[in-house]
Protein backbone atom coordinates (compact mmCIF):
# COMPACT_ATOMS: atom_id res chain seq x y z
CA MET A 1 11.83 26.74 215.45
CA LYS A 2 13.91 29.34 217.22
CA GLU A 3 13.87 27.43 220.56
CA LEU A 4 15.90 24.51 219.16
CA PRO A 5 19.32 25.85 220.36
CA ASN A 6 17.94 26.38 223.89
CA LEU A 7 16.32 22.95 223.88
CA SER A 8 19.56 21.34 222.71
CA ALA A 9 21.64 23.28 225.25
CA SER A 10 19.33 22.36 228.12
CA LEU A 11 19.31 18.65 227.25
CA LEU A 12 23.09 18.66 226.81
CA GLY A 13 23.40 20.49 230.14
CA ILE A 14 21.25 17.90 231.90
CA VAL A 15 23.36 15.05 230.51
CA ALA A 16 26.70 16.78 231.23
CA SER A 17 25.75 17.87 234.75
CA SER A 18 24.42 14.41 235.60
CA ALA A 19 27.70 12.86 234.45
CA TYR A 20 29.61 15.53 236.41
CA ILE A 21 27.66 14.75 239.60
CA TRP A 22 28.19 11.02 239.10
CA GLN A 23 31.94 11.52 238.66
CA ALA A 24 32.12 13.89 241.65
CA ARG A 25 30.54 11.25 243.85
CA THR A 26 33.28 8.77 242.93
CA ILE A 27 36.04 10.97 244.38
CA GLU A 28 37.50 9.20 247.39
CA ASP A 29 37.72 11.02 250.71
CA SER A 30 41.08 11.11 252.42
CA LEU A 31 41.65 10.84 256.14
CA LEU A 32 42.18 14.61 256.26
CA SER A 33 38.92 15.56 254.51
CA ASP A 34 36.21 17.54 256.24
CA GLU A 35 32.51 16.73 256.61
CA VAL A 36 31.74 17.91 253.07
CA GLY A 37 34.29 15.53 251.61
CA ALA A 38 36.49 15.83 248.56
CA GLY A 39 33.57 15.49 246.16
CA GLY A 40 31.20 17.79 248.05
CA VAL A 41 31.98 21.02 246.22
CA PRO A 42 32.12 19.42 242.73
CA ALA A 43 28.82 17.64 243.42
CA GLY A 44 27.30 20.94 244.53
CA VAL A 45 28.51 22.66 241.37
CA GLY A 46 27.02 19.80 239.34
CA MET A 47 23.69 20.20 241.12
CA VAL A 48 23.64 23.93 240.35
CA MET A 49 24.43 23.10 236.69
CA LEU A 50 21.62 20.53 236.67
CA ALA A 51 19.13 22.99 238.19
CA ALA A 52 20.09 25.65 235.63
CA SER A 53 19.70 23.16 232.77
CA ILE A 54 16.28 22.07 234.01
CA ALA A 55 15.23 25.72 234.39
CA LEU A 56 16.37 26.42 230.81
CA LEU A 57 14.42 23.40 229.58
CA LEU A 58 11.25 24.53 231.35
CA LYS A 59 11.68 28.10 230.10
CA THR A 60 12.14 26.84 226.54
CA LEU A 61 9.10 24.58 226.70
CA LEU A 62 6.96 27.39 228.12
CA ALA A 63 8.18 29.80 225.42
CA GLN A 64 7.38 27.20 222.78
CA ALA A 65 3.86 26.76 224.12
CA ARG A 66 3.37 30.53 224.36
CA SER A 67 4.59 31.18 220.82
CA ALA A 68 2.38 28.38 219.49
CA ARG A 69 -0.66 30.09 221.03
CA GLN A 70 0.35 33.57 219.82
CA ALA A 71 1.58 32.65 216.32
CA PRO A 72 -1.83 32.62 214.58
CA ALA A 73 -2.75 36.02 216.05
CA ALA A 74 0.63 37.55 215.08
CA VAL A 75 0.38 36.27 211.50
CA ALA A 76 -3.17 37.59 211.20
CA ALA A 77 -2.10 41.00 212.49
CA GLY A 78 0.96 41.07 210.18
CA GLU A 79 3.46 41.45 213.05
CA GLU A 80 7.12 40.65 212.59
CA GLU A 81 9.45 39.12 215.13
CA GLY A 82 11.14 41.60 217.50
CA GLY A 83 14.82 42.51 217.15
CA ALA A 84 16.30 41.19 220.37
CA ALA A 85 20.09 41.18 220.71
CA HIS A 86 21.69 38.23 218.97
CA PRO A 87 22.36 35.54 221.59
CA HIS A 88 25.81 34.72 220.21
CA ARG A 89 26.90 38.36 220.50
CA MET A 90 25.59 38.43 224.07
CA ALA A 91 27.50 35.24 224.90
CA LEU A 92 30.68 36.58 223.31
CA GLY A 93 30.35 39.85 225.24
CA LEU A 94 29.89 38.00 228.53
CA LEU A 95 32.83 35.75 227.69
CA LEU A 96 35.04 38.81 227.08
CA ILE A 97 33.93 40.34 230.40
CA LEU A 98 34.74 37.07 232.17
CA ALA A 99 38.16 36.89 230.47
CA ALA A 100 38.90 40.43 231.67
CA TYR A 101 37.87 39.38 235.20
CA VAL A 102 40.21 36.37 235.11
CA ALA A 103 43.08 38.52 233.82
CA LEU A 104 42.47 41.21 236.47
CA LEU A 105 41.96 38.82 239.42
CA PRO A 106 45.63 38.04 240.26
CA TRP A 107 46.60 41.71 240.24
CA ALA A 108 43.52 43.45 241.70
CA GLY A 109 42.38 40.67 244.01
CA TYR A 110 38.97 39.14 244.57
CA ILE A 111 37.17 42.06 246.19
CA VAL A 112 37.98 44.64 243.50
CA SER A 113 37.63 42.19 240.60
CA MET A 114 34.24 40.93 241.78
CA GLY A 115 32.89 44.46 242.15
CA LEU A 116 34.07 45.37 238.65
CA LEU A 117 32.66 42.11 237.26
CA ALA A 118 29.24 42.82 238.76
CA ALA A 119 29.21 46.36 237.38
CA ALA A 120 30.40 45.27 233.92
CA VAL A 121 27.79 42.51 233.62
CA ALA A 122 25.00 44.81 234.82
CA LEU A 123 25.99 47.56 232.37
CA PHE A 124 26.36 45.03 229.54
CA ALA A 125 22.88 43.69 230.31
CA GLY A 126 21.44 47.18 229.92
CA ALA A 127 21.42 48.60 233.43
CA ARG A 128 21.97 52.32 233.62
CA MET A 129 24.78 53.76 235.66
CA ALA A 130 22.97 54.72 238.84
CA PRO A 131 23.94 55.13 242.49
CA VAL A 132 22.29 51.80 243.31
CA LEU A 133 24.58 50.02 240.82
CA VAL A 134 27.64 51.70 242.32
CA VAL A 135 26.61 50.71 245.86
CA PHE A 136 25.84 47.16 244.72
CA SER A 137 29.23 46.85 243.02
CA LEU A 138 31.08 48.28 246.03
CA CYS A 139 29.29 45.96 248.48
CA LEU A 140 29.29 42.71 246.49
CA GLY A 141 33.05 42.10 246.57
CA PRO A 142 33.49 42.49 250.33
CA LEU A 143 30.30 40.53 251.02
CA LEU A 144 31.34 37.56 248.90
CA TRP A 145 34.90 37.75 250.20
CA PHE A 146 33.60 37.56 253.79
CA LEU A 147 31.35 34.65 252.85
CA PHE A 148 34.19 32.66 251.30
CA GLU A 149 37.03 33.64 253.66
CA TYR A 150 35.28 33.43 257.03
CA LEU A 151 32.14 31.36 256.64
CA LEU A 152 33.32 28.78 254.09
CA GLN A 153 37.05 29.02 254.93
CA VAL A 154 38.00 29.22 251.23
CA ARG A 155 41.03 31.45 250.56
CA MET A 156 40.40 34.07 247.90
CA PRO A 157 43.15 35.92 245.96
CA ALA A 158 44.22 39.09 247.76
CA GLY A 159 45.88 40.61 244.70
CA ALA A 160 49.29 42.14 244.09
CA TRP A 161 48.25 45.59 245.32
CA SER A 162 47.61 44.27 248.84
CA ALA A 163 51.36 43.54 249.22
CA LEU A 164 52.05 47.18 248.41
CA LEU A 165 49.71 48.22 251.22
CA GLY A 166 51.34 45.84 253.69
CA GLY A 167 48.71 43.04 253.48
């Protein structure tokens, strides 16, 4: 049963995110808090985690049902299971990319780091280096920076190089 790790991860994610949301809702608001409140952002993160866990659970259950229908036909035809990339190697690769992003963020700043992160993840996932990837990577950082800085009023790291340019 190759879906067991995904099933376990999704159920663990549902339990952990539910506990996270519950704890986020217990955070007291101060007199200086805004309309979202002190627990608003953590509760939102918890809801995104919960939605992702539920999506993983549904995907796993659908894959299980699909493989149960296709298994007799594959055995009869003598087919072997495909050689997809090992999920632990994929997770380790993504973790290393994220660690590089975190290490680069204080020096390069949010805009540059986010663009490089997007390009690295896309290339790691198998995208080919194309003009559309370059444009996407160049536009993502400024777009997200604008969203956080101006629309959400969340300060993002400018980076050490901005001080050299007079920022």
